[in-house]
Amino acid sequence: MALQQIVEQTVTGLGYDLVEIERSAGGLLRITIDLPWQPTAPQEPAAEHFVTVEDCEKVTRQLQFALEVDAVDYTRLEVSSPASTVSCVTRRTLSALRAKKWTSRSRSPWAPQAAV
C-alpha cells in the first residue's frame, strides 16, 4: 500500500483530517492533522476546537504500528497540527476555511482608494 493511503486511512480512521504529508532528508516523516470541520447554525457561536498533544500522540502511536506493518522506511515520525497560517492543501481544507468567519487588524488606518 502507498504511504499516502496508509497515512490517510489511519488518520481518518481515528477521526481526524489529514492536512499534509512531508518527507525530508534524513528520514523525517512529518504528518499534519486537524479536526474535521463541522458547520454550525448561524445563530450558534462557533466552538473553538484544537488538536491537542494527546491527539497527536494517539495518531503517532497508531501510525508507528501501521507503518511498521507495511515496512515503510523512515527514521523519525512527527505528528502535529497546522499553524494558523496553514495553506489550503486540499479541497476539504479550503471548504472549511471558507466557512469560517475571519477578522483582521491593521497597525495603521486603512481607507479604500478611489478608483483612478
Protein backbone atom coordinates (compact mmCIF):
# COMPACT_ATOMS: atom_id res chain seq x y z
CA MET A 1 0.00 0.00 0.00
CA ALA A 2 1.29 3.52 -0.79
CA LEU A 3 2.38 5.86 2.01
CA GLN A 4 -0.44 8.34 1.23
CA GLN A 5 -3.06 5.60 1.55
CA ILE A 6 -1.62 4.17 4.78
CA VAL A 7 -1.44 7.56 6.49
CA GLU A 8 -4.81 8.80 5.22
CA GLN A 9 -6.59 5.59 6.22
CA THR A 10 -5.04 5.64 9.69
CA VAL A 11 -5.64 9.33 10.36
CA THR A 12 -9.24 9.40 9.11
CA GLY A 13 -9.94 6.12 10.92
CA LEU A 14 -9.09 7.89 14.17
CA GLY A 15 -11.48 10.75 13.33
CA TYR A 16 -9.02 13.41 12.12
CA ASP A 17 -8.39 15.11 8.78
CA LEU A 18 -5.07 14.61 7.04
CA VAL A 19 -3.70 18.02 6.05
CA GLU A 20 -0.24 17.22 4.76
CA ILE A 21 2.45 14.56 4.46
CA GLU A 22 6.03 15.74 4.18
CA ARG A 23 9.17 13.65 3.75
CA SER A 24 12.54 15.26 4.39
CA ALA A 25 16.15 14.26 4.04
CA GLY A 26 17.44 12.11 6.83
CA GLY A 27 14.28 10.01 7.05
CA LEU A 28 11.95 12.54 8.68
CA LEU A 29 8.27 11.85 8.05
CA ARG A 30 6.09 14.80 9.10
CA ILE A 31 2.30 14.37 9.25
CA THR A 32 -0.05 17.30 9.82
CA ILE A 33 -3.54 16.57 11.14
CA ASP A 34 -6.58 18.65 12.01
CA LEU A 35 -10.02 18.13 13.47
CA PRO A 36 -12.81 17.70 10.92
CA TRP A 37 -14.71 20.87 10.23
CA GLN A 38 -18.30 20.79 11.50
CA PRO A 39 -20.64 23.55 10.36
CA THR A 40 -22.70 25.34 12.98
CA ALA A 41 -26.02 27.06 12.59
CA PRO A 42 -25.75 30.86 12.05
CA GLN A 43 -27.31 31.63 15.44
CA GLU A 44 -24.88 29.35 17.31
CA PRO A 45 -21.46 30.63 18.39
CA ALA A 46 -18.62 28.83 16.67
CA ALA A 47 -16.94 26.45 19.07
CA GLU A 48 -13.16 26.55 19.11
CA HIS A 49 -11.69 23.07 18.76
CA PHE A 50 -7.99 22.42 18.56
CA VAL A 51 -5.79 19.38 18.07
CA THR A 52 -4.18 18.55 21.41
CA VAL A 53 -0.88 16.90 22.27
CA GLU A 54 -2.88 13.81 23.24
CA ASP A 55 -4.46 13.74 19.76
CA CYS A 56 -1.01 13.87 18.14
CA GLU A 57 0.25 11.15 20.47
CA LYS A 58 -2.70 8.88 19.62
CA VAL A 59 -2.11 9.31 15.88
CA THR A 60 1.65 8.83 16.30
CA ARG A 61 1.22 5.51 18.12
CA GLN A 62 -1.24 4.21 15.54
CA LEU A 63 0.92 5.35 12.61
CA GLN A 64 4.03 3.73 14.09
CA PHE A 65 2.21 0.42 14.09
CA ALA A 66 0.69 0.85 10.60
CA LEU A 67 3.96 1.98 9.04
CA GLU A 68 5.86 -0.93 10.60
CA VAL A 69 3.32 -3.45 9.30
CA ASP A 70 3.70 -2.07 5.76
CA ALA A 71 7.50 -1.75 6.09
CA VAL A 72 7.61 1.98 5.36
CA ASP A 73 11.16 3.28 5.70
CA TYR A 74 11.50 6.34 7.96
CA THR A 75 13.84 7.38 10.77
CA ARG A 76 11.72 9.89 12.70
CA LEU A 77 7.96 10.49 12.76
CA GLU A 78 6.42 13.84 13.70
CA VAL A 79 2.68 14.38 14.00
CA SER A 80 1.45 17.95 14.53
CA SER A 81 -1.46 20.29 13.98
CA PRO A 82 -1.43 23.05 11.37
CA ALA A 83 -0.37 26.56 12.29
CA SER A 84 -2.78 29.45 11.91
CA THR A 85 -1.04 30.22 8.62
CA VAL A 86 -1.80 26.81 7.10
CA SER A 87 -2.05 26.81 3.35
CA CYS A 88 -5.09 25.28 1.67
CA VAL A 89 -3.61 21.95 0.70
CA THR A 90 -6.84 20.05 0.00
CA ARG A 91 -10.31 20.95 -1.18
CA ARG A 92 -11.66 19.93 2.22
CA THR A 93 -9.32 22.35 3.99
CA LEU A 94 -10.31 25.14 1.62
CA SER A 95 -14.02 24.48 2.22
CA ALA A 96 -13.52 24.60 5.98
CA LEU A 97 -11.57 27.86 5.79
CA ARG A 98 -14.17 29.49 3.53
CA ALA A 99 -16.93 28.72 6.02
CA LYS A 100 -15.18 30.39 8.95
CA LYS A 101 -15.75 34.00 9.94
CA TRP A 102 -12.48 35.90 9.65
CA THR A 103 -11.39 39.16 11.23
CA SER A 104 -8.24 41.13 10.67
CA ARG A 105 -6.44 44.00 12.33
CA SER A 106 -4.18 46.61 10.85
CA ARG A 107 -1.43 48.58 12.56
CA SER A 108 -2.25 51.69 10.56
CA PRO A 109 -5.57 53.21 9.47
CA TRP A 110 -6.85 51.87 6.19
CA ALA A 111 -9.18 53.64 3.77
CA PRO A 112 -10.31 52.39 0.40
CA GLN A 113 -8.52 54.03 -2.51
CA ALA A 114 -10.58 55.99 -5.01
CA ALA A 115 -10.70 54.44 -8.48
CA VAL A 116 -8.29 56.15 -10.84
